[in-house]
Amino acid sequence: AEFNDFEFISLSASQEMIAEVDCHNIDDTHGSVNIVFEEAVNRKEVKKMFPLSSLLVVDGSIFGSCDFVNSTSNGYLLVESAYATSQDQVTVKGEISTILDFFSQLSMSYA
């Protein structure tokens, strides 16, 4: 099997650039994360910022609770799409994951 590089995107690493984070369950397995930045976002950079199949990490202790994140733990989203919804807002959609799910899928791709 071909193995693609994977990336972790931690919103806490960019917290000074982020005004607000909100996440919503779309259904039982998928969710979305809306990220409002302090400044305008270059729409062409969004797909580079949140590459497909990367793991978006939302730190609940920094950004607070929302649908699949609570204030004592991280929420994880396996990125399926990312797009700018306004000049300063990006929506990332994907599969709600756990860190264990992510690594088990990663190890299966080596088989």
PDB file of N, CA and C in Angstrom:
ATOM      1  N   ALA A   1       0.851  -1.188   0.000  1.00  0.00           N
ATOM      2  CA  ALA A   1       0.000   0.000   0.000  1.00  0.00           C
ATOM      3  C   ALA A   1       0.887   1.239   0.000  1.00  0.00           C
ATOM      4  N   GLU A   2       0.414   2.252  -0.687  1.00  0.00           N
ATOM      5  CA  GLU A   2       1.160   3.505  -0.716  1.00  0.00           C
ATOM      6  C   GLU A   2       0.856   4.280   0.554  1.00  0.00           C
ATOM      7  N   PHE A   3       1.888   4.821   1.180  1.00  0.00           N
ATOM      8  CA  PHE A   3       1.704   5.537   2.434  1.00  0.00           C
ATOM      9  C   PHE A   3       1.901   7.016   2.191  1.00  0.00           C
ATOM     10  N   ASN A   4       0.870   7.791   2.507  1.00  0.00           N
ATOM     11  CA  ASN A   4       0.964   9.244   2.342  1.00  0.00           C
ATOM     12  C   ASN A   4       1.452   9.867   3.642  1.00  0.00           C
ATOM     13  N   ASP A   5       2.230  10.928   3.515  1.00  0.00           N
ATOM     14  CA  ASP A   5       2.661  11.663   4.707  1.00  0.00           C
ATOM     15  C   ASP A   5       1.430  12.158   5.452  1.00  0.00           C
ATOM     16  N   PHE A   6       1.504  12.162   6.754  1.00  0.00           N
ATOM     17  CA  PHE A   6       0.389  12.691   7.529  1.00  0.00           C
ATOM     18  C   PHE A   6       0.861  13.893   8.310  1.00  0.00           C
ATOM     19  N   GLU A   7      -0.089  14.721   8.646  1.00  0.00           N
ATOM     20  CA  GLU A   7       0.239  15.921   9.393  1.00  0.00           C
ATOM     21  C   GLU A   7      -0.730  16.099  10.537  1.00  0.00           C
ATOM     22  N   PHE A   8      -0.233  16.662  11.620  1.00  0.00           N
ATOM     23  CA  PHE A   8      -1.082  17.127  12.705  1.00  0.00           C
ATOM     24  C   PHE A   8      -1.174  18.640  12.566  1.00  0.00           C
ATOM     25  N   ILE A   9      -2.373  19.173  12.663  1.00  0.00           N
ATOM     26  CA  ILE A   9      -2.541  20.612  12.697  1.00  0.00           C
ATOM     27  C   ILE A   9      -3.128  20.960  14.051  1.00  0.00           C
ATOM     28  N   SER A  10      -2.333  21.581  14.892  1.00  0.00           N
ATOM     29  CA  SER A  10      -2.787  21.942  16.238  1.00  0.00           C
ATOM     30  C   SER A  10      -3.185  23.407  16.250  1.00  0.00           C
ATOM     31  N   LEU A  11      -4.464  23.657  16.542  1.00  0.00           N
ATOM     32  CA  LEU A  11      -4.911  25.047  16.593  1.00  0.00           C
ATOM     33  C   LEU A  11      -4.261  25.804  17.742  1.00  0.00           C
ATOM     34  N   SER A  12      -3.882  25.099  18.807  1.00  0.00           N
ATOM     35  CA  SER A  12      -3.274  25.788  19.951  1.00  0.00           C
ATOM     36  C   SER A  12      -1.938  26.428  19.579  1.00  0.00           C
ATOM     37  N   ALA A  13      -1.254  25.863  18.573  1.00  0.00           N
ATOM     38  CA  ALA A  13       0.023  26.431  18.129  1.00  0.00           C
ATOM     39  C   ALA A  13      -0.175  27.799  17.481  1.00  0.00           C
ATOM     40  N   SER A  14      -1.405  28.068  17.019  1.00  0.00           N
ATOM     41  CA  SER A  14      -1.706  29.341  16.345  1.00  0.00           C
ATOM     42  C   SER A  14      -2.720  30.162  17.121  1.00  0.00           C
ATOM     43  N   GLN A  15      -2.844  29.901  18.416  1.00  0.00           N
ATOM     44  CA  GLN A  15      -3.942  30.512  19.171  1.00  0.00           C
ATOM     45  C   GLN A  15      -3.934  32.040  19.158  1.00  0.00           C
ATOM     46  N   GLU A  16      -2.757  32.653  19.042  1.00  0.00           N
ATOM     47  CA  GLU A  16      -2.720  34.119  19.026  1.00  0.00           C
ATOM     48  C   GLU A  16      -3.305  34.692  17.731  1.00  0.00           C
ATOM     49  N   MET A  17      -3.426  33.870  16.707  1.00  0.00           N
ATOM     50  CA  MET A  17      -3.994  34.310  15.423  1.00  0.00           C
ATOM     51  C   MET A  17      -5.500  34.025  15.330  1.00  0.00           C
ATOM     52  N   ILE A  18      -6.042  33.306  16.329  1.00  0.00           N
ATOM     53  CA  ILE A  18      -7.420  32.828  16.257  1.00  0.00           C
ATOM     54  C   ILE A  18      -8.300  33.581  17.244  1.00  0.00           C
ATOM     55  N   ALA A  19      -9.406  34.124  16.737  1.00  0.00           N
ATOM     56  CA  ALA A  19     -10.349  34.858  17.581  1.00  0.00           C
ATOM     57  C   ALA A  19     -11.361  33.918  18.221  1.00  0.00           C
ATOM     58  N   GLU A  20     -11.793  32.887  17.467  1.00  0.00           N
ATOM     59  CA  GLU A  20     -12.858  32.023  17.967  1.00  0.00           C
ATOM     60  C   GLU A  20     -12.830  30.687  17.240  1.00  0.00           C
ATOM     61  N   VAL A  21     -13.177  29.623  17.965  1.00  0.00           N
ATOM     62  CA  VAL A  21     -13.301  28.290  17.373  1.00  0.00           C
ATOM     63  C   VAL A  21     -14.639  27.716  17.819  1.00  0.00           C
ATOM     64  N   ASP A  22     -15.374  27.172  16.868  1.00  0.00           N
ATOM     65  CA  ASP A  22     -16.643  26.536  17.189  1.00  0.00           C
ATOM     66  C   ASP A  22     -16.738  25.244  16.392  1.00  0.00           C
ATOM     67  N   CYS A  23     -17.203  24.185  17.027  1.00  0.00           N
ATOM     68  CA  CYS A  23     -17.307  22.923  16.296  1.00  0.00           C
ATOM     69  C   CYS A  23     -18.701  22.329  16.452  1.00  0.00           C
ATOM     70  N   HIS A  24     -19.127  21.628  15.417  1.00  0.00           N
ATOM     71  CA  HIS A  24     -20.487  21.091  15.358  1.00  0.00           C
ATOM     72  C   HIS A  24     -20.457  19.667  14.846  1.00  0.00           C
ATOM     73  N   ASN A  25     -21.322  18.843  15.406  1.00  0.00           N
ATOM     74  CA  ASN A  25     -21.534  17.507  14.847  1.00  0.00           C
ATOM     75  C   ASN A  25     -22.422  17.657  13.614  1.00  0.00           C
ATOM     76  N   ILE A  26     -22.004  17.037  12.501  1.00  0.00           N
ATOM     77  CA  ILE A  26     -22.833  16.999  11.299  1.00  0.00           C
ATOM     78  C   ILE A  26     -23.748  15.777  11.384  1.00  0.00           C
ATOM     79  N   ASP A  27     -23.147  14.640  11.746  1.00  0.00           N
ATOM     80  CA  ASP A  27     -23.898  13.414  12.015  1.00  0.00           C
ATOM     81  C   ASP A  27     -23.104  12.621  13.052  1.00  0.00           C
ATOM     82  N   ASP A  28     -23.363  11.326  13.165  1.00  0.00           N
ATOM     83  CA  ASP A  28     -22.700  10.531  14.206  1.00  0.00           C
ATOM     84  C   ASP A  28     -21.185  10.442  14.039  1.00  0.00           C
ATOM     85  N   THR A  29     -20.704  10.562  12.813  1.00  0.00           N
ATOM     86  CA  THR A  29     -19.277  10.342  12.579  1.00  0.00           C
ATOM     87  C   THR A  29     -18.543  11.550  11.997  1.00  0.00           C
ATOM     88  N   HIS A  30     -19.265  12.563  11.572  1.00  0.00           N
ATOM     89  CA  HIS A  30     -18.625  13.708  10.928  1.00  0.00           C
ATOM     90  C   HIS A  30     -18.938  15.009  11.659  1.00  0.00           C
ATOM     91  N   GLY A  31     -17.998  15.933  11.542  1.00  0.00           N
ATOM     92  CA  GLY A  31     -18.171  17.225  12.193  1.00  0.00           C
ATOM     93  C   GLY A  31     -17.532  18.336  11.394  1.00  0.00           C
ATOM     94  N   SER A  32     -17.738  19.553  11.878  1.00  0.00           N
ATOM     95  CA  SER A  32     -17.106  20.712  11.254  1.00  0.00           C
ATOM     96  C   SER A  32     -16.530  21.602  12.344  1.00  0.00           C
ATOM     97  N   VAL A  33     -15.462  22.286  11.983  1.00  0.00           N
ATOM     98  CA  VAL A  33     -14.828  23.248  12.873  1.00  0.00           C
ATOM     99  C   VAL A  33     -14.786  24.582  12.144  1.00  0.00           C
ATOM    100  N   ASN A  34     -15.406  25.593  12.751  1.00  0.00           N
ATOM    101  CA  ASN A  34     -15.355  26.951  12.200  1.00  0.00           C
ATOM    102  C   ASN A  34     -14.296  27.715  12.973  1.00  0.00           C
ATOM    103  N   ILE A  35     -13.346  28.284  12.247  1.00  0.00           N
ATOM    104  CA  ILE A  35     -12.230  29.002  12.861  1.00  0.00           C
ATOM    105  C   ILE A  35     -12.290  30.447  12.383  1.00  0.00           C
ATOM    106  N   VAL A  36     -12.438  31.378  13.328  1.00  0.00           N
ATOM    107  CA  VAL A  36     -12.434  32.799  13.000  1.00  0.00           C
ATOM    108  C   VAL A  36     -11.058  33.333  13.369  1.00  0.00           C
ATOM    109  N   PHE A  37     -10.371  33.881  12.381  1.00  0.00           N
ATOM    110  CA  PHE A  37      -9.021  34.409  12.590  1.00  0.00           C
ATOM    111  C   PHE A  37      -9.074  35.891  12.934  1.00  0.00           C
ATOM    112  N   GLU A  38      -8.025  36.374  13.585  1.00  0.00           N
ATOM    113  CA  GLU A  38      -7.936  37.786  13.956  1.00  0.00           C
ATOM    114  C   GLU A  38      -7.801  38.681  12.719  1.00  0.00           C
ATOM    115  N   GLU A  39      -7.213  38.134  11.639  1.00  0.00           N
ATOM    116  CA  GLU A  39      -7.002  38.906  10.416  1.00  0.00           C
ATOM    117  C   GLU A  39      -7.509  38.109   9.226  1.00  0.00           C
ATOM    118  N   ALA A  40      -7.618  38.770   8.089  1.00  0.00           N
ATOM    119  CA  ALA A  40      -8.091  38.112   6.876  1.00  0.00           C
ATOM    120  C   ALA A  40      -7.163  36.959   6.491  1.00  0.00           C
ATOM    121  N   VAL A  41      -7.757  35.925   5.909  1.00  0.00           N
ATOM    122  CA  VAL A  41      -7.032  34.728   5.494  1.00  0.00           C
ATOM    123  C   VAL A  41      -6.913  34.738   3.975  1.00  0.00           C
ATOM    124  N   ASN A  42      -5.740  34.383   3.474  1.00  0.00           N
ATOM    125  CA  ASN A  42      -5.550  34.237   2.030  1.00  0.00           C
ATOM    126  C   ASN A  42      -6.256  32.948   1.599  1.00  0.00           C
ATOM    127  N   ARG A  43      -7.325  33.082   0.809  1.00  0.00           N
ATOM    128  CA  ARG A  43      -8.137  31.921   0.410  1.00  0.00           C
ATOM    129  C   ARG A  43      -7.301  30.840  -0.276  1.00  0.00           C
ATOM    130  N   LYS A  44      -6.266  31.250  -0.992  1.00  0.00           N
ATOM    131  CA  LYS A  44      -5.419  30.276  -1.702  1.00  0.00           C
ATOM    132  C   LYS A  44      -4.584  29.437  -0.738  1.00  0.00           C
ATOM    133  N   GLU A  45      -4.382  29.939   0.476  1.00  0.00           N
ATOM    134  CA  GLU A  45      -3.556  29.245   1.455  1.00  0.00           C
ATOM    135  C   GLU A  45      -4.348  28.238   2.300  1.00  0.00           C
ATOM    136  N   VAL A  46      -5.670  28.297   2.255  1.00  0.00           N
ATOM    137  CA  VAL A  46      -6.492  27.476   3.155  1.00  0.00           C
ATOM    138  C   VAL A  46      -6.215  25.986   2.980  1.00  0.00           C
ATOM    139  N   LYS A  47      -6.136  25.533   1.745  1.00  0.00           N
ATOM    140  CA  LYS A  47      -5.905  24.100   1.508  1.00  0.00           C
ATOM    141  C   LYS A  47      -4.502  23.679   1.961  1.00  0.00           C
ATOM    142  N   LYS A  48      -3.548  24.604   1.939  1.00  0.00           N
ATOM    143  CA  LYS A  48      -2.205  24.310   2.463  1.00  0.00           C
ATOM    144  C   LYS A  48      -2.212  24.298   3.989  1.00  0.00           C
ATOM    145  N   MET A  49      -3.042  25.162   4.581  1.00  0.00           N
ATOM    146  CA  MET A  49      -3.123  25.241   6.039  1.00  0.00           C
ATOM    147  C   MET A  49      -3.772  23.986   6.627  1.00  0.00           C
ATOM    148  N   PHE A  50      -4.749  23.426   5.893  1.00  0.00           N
ATOM    149  CA  PHE A  50      -5.505  22.268   6.372  1.00  0.00           C
ATOM    150  C   PHE A  50      -5.544  21.199   5.285  1.00  0.00           C
ATOM    151  N   PRO A  51      -4.422  20.508   5.037  1.00  0.00           N
ATOM    152  CA  PRO A  51      -4.371  19.526   3.947  1.00  0.00           C
ATOM    153  C   PRO A  51      -5.322  18.355   4.193  1.00  0.00           C
ATOM    154  N   LEU A  52      -5.823  17.784   3.107  1.00  0.00           N
ATOM    155  CA  LEU A  52      -6.697  16.623   3.206  1.00  0.00           C
ATOM    156  C   LEU A  52      -5.991  15.494   3.937  1.00  0.00           C
ATOM    157  N   SER A  53      -6.731  14.761   4.744  1.00  0.00           N
ATOM    158  CA  SER A  53      -6.259  13.605   5.522  1.00  0.00           C
ATOM    159  C   SER A  53      -5.344  13.987   6.676  1.00  0.00           C
ATOM    160  N   SER A  54      -5.149  15.269   6.918  1.00  0.00           N
ATOM    161  CA  SER A  54      -4.391  15.653   8.105  1.00  0.00           C
ATOM    162  C   SER A  54      -5.320  15.563   9.310  1.00  0.00           C
ATOM    163  N   LEU A  55      -4.752  15.571  10.491  1.00  0.00           N
ATOM    164  CA  LEU A  55      -5.531  15.475  11.710  1.00  0.00           C
ATOM    165  C   LEU A  55      -5.544  16.835  12.393  1.00  0.00           C
ATOM    166  N   LEU A  56      -6.723  17.450  12.425  1.00  0.00           N
ATOM    167  CA  LEU A  56      -6.892  18.743  13.082  1.00  0.00           C
ATOM    168  C   LEU A  56      -7.132  18.496  14.570  1.00  0.00           C
ATOM    169  N   VAL A  57      -6.320  19.133  15.405  1.00  0.00           N
ATOM    170  CA  VAL A  57      -6.411  18.960  16.850  1.00  0.00           C
ATOM    171  C   VAL A  57      -6.955  20.252  17.456  1.00  0.00           C
ATOM    172  N   VAL A  58      -8.107  20.142  18.145  1.00  0.00           N
ATOM    173  CA  VAL A  58      -8.725  21.294  18.803  1.00  0.00           C
ATOM    174  C   VAL A  58      -8.571  21.098  20.310  1.00  0.00           C
ATOM    175  N   ASP A  59      -7.830  21.974  20.944  1.00  0.00           N
ATOM    176  CA  ASP A  59      -7.543  21.864  22.373  1.00  0.00           C
ATOM    177  C   ASP A  59      -8.684  22.492  23.176  1.00  0.00           C
ATOM    178  N   GLY A  60      -9.455  21.647  23.853  1.00  0.00           N
ATOM    179  CA  GLY A  60     -10.603  22.121  24.614  1.00  0.00           C
ATOM    180  C   GLY A  60     -10.236  23.023  25.778  1.00  0.00           C
ATOM    181  N   SER A  61      -9.038  22.844  26.349  1.00  0.00           N
ATOM    182  CA  SER A  61      -8.652  23.676  27.490  1.00  0.00           C
ATOM    183  C   SER A  61      -8.360  25.112  27.061  1.00  0.00           C
ATOM    184  N   ILE A  62      -8.073  25.323  25.780  1.00  0.00           N
ATOM    185  CA  ILE A  62      -7.813  26.671  25.264  1.00  0.00           C
ATOM    186  C   ILE A  62      -9.068  27.256  24.625  1.00  0.00           C
ATOM    187  N   PHE A  63      -9.750  26.458  23.785  1.00  0.00           N
ATOM    188  CA  PHE A  63     -10.851  26.987  22.991  1.00  0.00           C
ATOM    189  C   PHE A  63     -12.226  26.709  23.590  1.00  0.00           C
ATOM    190  N   GLY A  64     -12.280  25.915  24.659  1.00  0.00           N
ATOM    191  CA  GLY A  64     -13.553  25.640  25.312  1.00  0.00           C
ATOM    192  C   GLY A  64     -14.298  24.486  24.673  1.00  0.00           C
ATOM    193  N   SER A  65     -15.435  24.156  25.282  1.00  0.00           N
ATOM    194  CA  SER A  65     -16.223  23.016  24.823  1.00  0.00           C
ATOM    195  C   SER A  65     -17.048  23.373  23.592  1.00  0.00           C
ATOM    196  N   CYS A  66     -17.219  22.402  22.725  1.00  0.00           N
ATOM    197  CA  CYS A  66     -18.175  22.466  21.635  1.00  0.00           C
ATOM    198  C   CYS A  66     -18.582  21.021  21.362  1.00  0.00           C
ATOM    199  N   ASP A  67     -19.301  20.754  20.307  1.00  0.00           N
ATOM    200  CA  ASP A  67     -19.955  19.451  20.156  1.00  0.00           C
ATOM    201  C   ASP A  67     -19.069  18.244  20.435  1.00  0.00           C
ATOM    202  N   PHE A  68     -17.895  18.148  19.794  1.00  0.00           N
ATOM    203  CA  PHE A  68     -17.069  16.946  20.002  1.00  0.00           C
ATOM    204  C   PHE A  68     -15.753  17.245  20.723  1.00  0.00           C
ATOM    205  N   VAL A  69     -15.723  18.382  21.416  1.00  0.00           N
ATOM    206  CA  VAL A  69     -14.557  18.757  22.217  1.00  0.00           C
ATOM    207  C   VAL A  69     -15.082  19.135  23.596  1.00  0.00           C
ATOM    208  N   ASN A  70     -14.427  18.646  24.649  1.00  0.00           N
ATOM    209  CA  ASN A  70     -14.799  19.173  25.966  1.00  0.00           C
ATOM    210  C   ASN A  70     -13.593  19.860  26.580  1.00  0.00           C
ATOM    211  N   SER A  71     -13.845  20.587  27.652  1.00  0.00           N
ATOM    212  CA  SER A  71     -12.818  21.487  28.180  1.00  0.00           C
ATOM    213  C   SER A  71     -11.644  20.767  28.824  1.00  0.00           C
ATOM    214  N   THR A  72     -11.732  19.445  28.976  1.00  0.00           N
ATOM    215  CA  THR A  72     -10.619  18.716  29.586  1.00  0.00           C
ATOM    216  C   THR A  72      -9.870  17.842  28.589  1.00  0.00           C
ATOM    217  N   SER A  73     -10.276  17.866  27.325  1.00  0.00           N
ATOM    218  CA  SER A  73      -9.595  17.008  26.356  1.00  0.00           C
ATOM    219  C   SER A  73      -9.584  17.653  24.974  1.00  0.00           C
ATOM    220  N   ASN A  74      -8.852  17.038  24.080  1.00  0.00           N
ATOM    221  CA  ASN A  74      -8.780  17.516  22.712  1.00  0.00           C
ATOM    222  C   ASN A  74      -9.861  16.862  21.859  1.00  0.00           C
ATOM    223  N   GLY A  75     -10.244  17.559  20.803  1.00  0.00           N
ATOM    224  CA  GLY A  75     -11.101  16.970  19.777  1.00  0.00           C
ATOM    225  C   GLY A  75     -10.263  16.792  18.523  1.00  0.00           C
ATOM    226  N   TYR A  76     -10.568  15.760  17.759  1.00  0.00           N
ATOM    227  CA  TYR A  76      -9.781  15.450  16.557  1.00  0.00           C
ATOM    228  C   TYR A  76     -10.701  15.328  15.354  1.00  0.00           C
ATOM    229  N   LEU A  77     -10.278  15.902  14.250  1.00  0.00           N
ATOM    230  CA  LEU A  77     -11.053  15.842  13.019  1.00  0.00           C
ATOM    231  C   LEU A  77     -10.106  15.461  11.891  1.00  0.00           C
ATOM    232  N   LEU A  78     -10.429  14.377  11.200  1.00  0.00           N
ATOM    233  CA  LEU A  78      -9.654  13.957  10.037  1.00  0.00           C
ATOM    234  C   LEU A  78     -10.152  14.778   8.853  1.00  0.00           C
ATOM    235  N   VAL A  79      -9.316  15.655   8.325  1.00  0.00           N
ATOM    236  CA  VAL A  79      -9.746  16.680   7.368  1.00  0.00           C
ATOM    237  C   VAL A  79     -10.178  16.063   6.037  1.00  0.00           C
ATOM    238  N   GLU A  80     -11.407  16.388   5.627  1.00  0.00           N
ATOM    239  CA  GLU A  80     -11.923  15.983   4.311  1.00  0.00           C
ATOM    240  C   GLU A  80     -12.126  17.183   3.393  1.00  0.00           C
ATOM    241  N   SER A  81     -12.339  18.370   3.965  1.00  0.00           N
ATOM    242  CA  SER A  81     -12.440  19.588   3.158  1.00  0.00           C
ATOM    243  C   SER A  81     -12.152  20.793   4.038  1.00  0.00           C
ATOM    244  N   ALA A  82     -11.660  21.846   3.413  1.00  0.00           N
ATOM    245  CA  ALA A  82     -11.398  23.101   4.111  1.00  0.00           C
ATOM    246  C   ALA A  82     -11.595  24.233   3.122  1.00  0.00           C
ATOM    247  N   TYR A  83     -12.317  25.248   3.556  1.00  0.00           N
ATOM    248  CA  TYR A  83     -12.572  26.364   2.647  1.00  0.00           C
ATOM    249  C   TYR A  83     -12.845  27.624   3.462  1.00  0.00           C
ATOM    250  N   ALA A  84     -12.546  28.770   2.842  1.00  0.00           N
ATOM    251  CA  ALA A  84     -12.817  30.053   3.488  1.00  0.00           C
ATOM    252  C   ALA A  84     -14.290  30.370   3.299  1.00  0.00           C
ATOM    253  N   THR A  85     -14.974  30.697   4.388  1.00  0.00           N
ATOM    254  CA  THR A  85     -16.384  31.062   4.313  1.00  0.00           C
ATOM    255  C   THR A  85     -16.572  32.567   4.354  1.00  0.00           C
ATOM    256  N   SER A  86     -15.542  33.290   4.742  1.00  0.00           N
ATOM    257  CA  SER A  86     -15.523  34.751   4.685  1.00  0.00           C
ATOM    258  C   SER A  86     -14.063  35.166   4.702  1.00  0.00           C
ATOM    259  N   GLN A  87     -13.807  36.469   4.752  1.00  0.00           N
ATOM    260  CA  GLN A  87     -12.417  36.933   4.704  1.00  0.00           C
ATOM    261  C   GLN A  87     -11.584  36.427   5.878  1.00  0.00           C
ATOM    262  N   ASP A  88     -12.219  36.259   7.024  1.00  0.00           N
ATOM    263  CA  ASP A  88     -11.447  35.880   8.211  1.00  0.00           C
ATOM    264  C   ASP A  88     -11.893  34.551   8.821  1.00  0.00           C
ATOM    265  N   GLN A  89     -12.735  33.793   8.103  1.00  0.00           N
ATOM    266  CA  GLN A  89     -13.249  32.551   8.669  1.00  0.00           C
ATOM    267  C   GLN A  89     -13.019  31.370   7.743  1.00  0.00           C
ATOM    268  N   VAL A  90     -12.622  30.247   8.352  1.00  0.00           N
ATOM    269  CA  VAL A  90     -12.387  29.006   7.607  1.00  0.00           C
ATOM    270  C   VAL A  90     -13.252  27.918   8.243  1.00  0.00           C
ATOM    271  N   THR A  91     -13.872  27.095   7.407  1.00  0.00           N
ATOM    272  CA  THR A  91     -14.605  25.927   7.893  1.00  0.00           C
ATOM    273  C   THR A  91     -13.863  24.680   7.437  1.00  0.00           C
ATOM    274  N   VAL A  92     -13.602  23.808   8.393  1.00  0.00           N
ATOM    275  CA  VAL A  92     -12.953  22.527   8.110  1.00  0.00           C
ATOM    276  C   VAL A  92     -13.969  21.441   8.430  1.00  0.00           C
ATOM    277  N   LYS A  93     -14.190  20.523   7.480  1.00  0.00           N
ATOM    278  CA  LYS A  93     -15.122  19.420   7.698  1.00  0.00           C
ATOM    279  C   LYS A  93     -14.375  18.106   7.597  1.00  0.00           C
ATOM    280  N   GLY A  94     -14.856  17.111   8.327  1.00  0.00           N
ATOM    281  CA  GLY A  94     -14.206  15.815   8.242  1.00  0.00           C
ATOM    282  C   GLY A  94     -14.805  14.810   9.194  1.00  0.00           C
ATOM    283  N   GLU A  95     -14.068  13.720   9.349  1.00  0.00           N
ATOM    284  CA  GLU A  95     -14.507  12.627  10.210  1.00  0.00           C
ATOM    285  C   GLU A  95     -14.009  12.862  11.626  1.00  0.00           C
ATOM    286  N   ILE A  96     -14.936  12.807  12.577  1.00  0.00           N
ATOM    287  CA  ILE A  96     -14.551  12.936  13.979  1.00  0.00           C
ATOM    288  C   ILE A  96     -13.735  11.699  14.336  1.00  0.00           C
ATOM    289  N   SER A  97     -12.605  11.912  14.957  1.00  0.00           N
ATOM    290  CA  SER A  97     -11.669  10.825  15.200  1.00  0.00           C
ATOM    291  C   SER A  97     -11.197  10.881  16.643  1.00  0.00           C
ATOM    292  N   THR A  98     -10.504   9.841  17.034  1.00  0.00           N
ATOM    293  CA  THR A  98      -9.745   9.886  18.285  1.00  0.00           C
ATOM    294  C   THR A  98      -8.296   9.656  17.890  1.00  0.00           C
ATOM    295  N   ILE A  99      -7.398   9.951  18.752  1.00  0.00           N
ATOM    296  CA  ILE A  99      -5.986   9.743  18.438  1.00  0.00           C
ATOM    297  C   ILE A  99      -5.712   8.260  18.211  1.00  0.00           C
ATOM    298  N   LEU A 100      -6.430   7.384  18.930  1.00  0.00           N
ATOM    299  CA  LEU A 100      -6.244   5.942  18.748  1.00  0.00           C
ATOM    300  C   LEU A 100      -6.758   5.490  17.384  1.00  0.00           C
ATOM    301  N   ASP A 101      -7.933   6.002  16.980  1.00  0.00           N
ATOM    302  CA  ASP A 101      -8.460   5.687  15.641  1.00  0.00           C
ATOM    303  C   ASP A 101      -7.455   6.085  14.571  1.00  0.00           C
ATOM    304  N   PHE A 102      -6.900   7.284  14.732  1.00  0.00           N
ATOM    305  CA  PHE A 102      -5.986   7.815  13.730  1.00  0.00           C
ATOM    306  C   PHE A 102      -4.773   6.906  13.570  1.00  0.00           C
ATOM    307  N   PHE A 103      -4.171   6.497  14.687  1.00  0.00           N
ATOM    308  CA  PHE A 103      -2.979   5.664  14.586  1.00  0.00           C
ATOM    309  C   PHE A 103      -3.290   4.250  14.121  1.00  0.00           C
ATOM    310  N   SER A 104      -4.484   3.735  14.422  1.00  0.00           N
ATOM    311  CA  SER A 104      -4.823   2.401  13.917  1.00  0.00           C
ATOM    312  C   SER A 104      -5.025   2.450  12.406  1.00  0.00           C
ATOM    313  N   GLN A 105      -5.613   3.543  11.889  1.00  0.00           N
ATOM    314  CA  GLN A 105      -5.748   3.684  10.437  1.00  0.00           C
ATOM    315  C   GLN A 105      -4.377   3.844   9.783  1.00  0.00           C
ATOM    316  N   LEU A 106      -3.505   4.571  10.467  1.00  0.00           N
ATOM    317  CA  LEU A 106      -2.147   4.771   9.960  1.00  0.00           C
ATOM    318  C   LEU A 106      -1.407   3.444   9.861  1.00  0.00           C
ATOM    319  N   SER A 107      -1.519   2.609  10.881  1.00  0.00           N
ATOM    320  CA  SER A 107      -0.794   1.342  10.883  1.00  0.00           C
ATOM    321  C   SER A 107      -1.365   0.386   9.840  1.00  0.00           C
ATOM    322  N   MET A 108      -2.687   0.483   9.577  1.00  0.00           N
ATOM    323  CA  MET A 108      -3.284  -0.372   8.547  1.00  0.00           C
ATOM    324  C   MET A 108      -2.770  -0.016   7.161  1.00  0.00           C
ATOM    325  N   SER A 109      -2.412   1.239   6.949  1.00  0.00           N
ATOM    326  CA  SER A 109      -1.957   1.656   5.625  1.00  0.00           C
ATOM    327  C   SER A 109      -0.568   1.092   5.314  1.00  0.00           C
ATOM    328  N   TYR A 110       0.140   0.597   6.318  1.00  0.00           N
ATOM    329  CA  TYR A 110       1.432  -0.060   6.076  1.00  0.00           C
ATOM    330  C   TYR A 110       1.270  -1.499   5.635  1.00  0.00           C
ATOM    331  N   ALA A 111       0.101  -2.090   5.890  1.00  0.00           N
ATOM    332  CA  ALA A 111      -0.114  -3.537   5.636  1.00  0.00           C
ATOM    333  C   ALA A 111      -0.065  -3.852   4.149  1.00  0.00           C
TER     334      ALA A 111
END
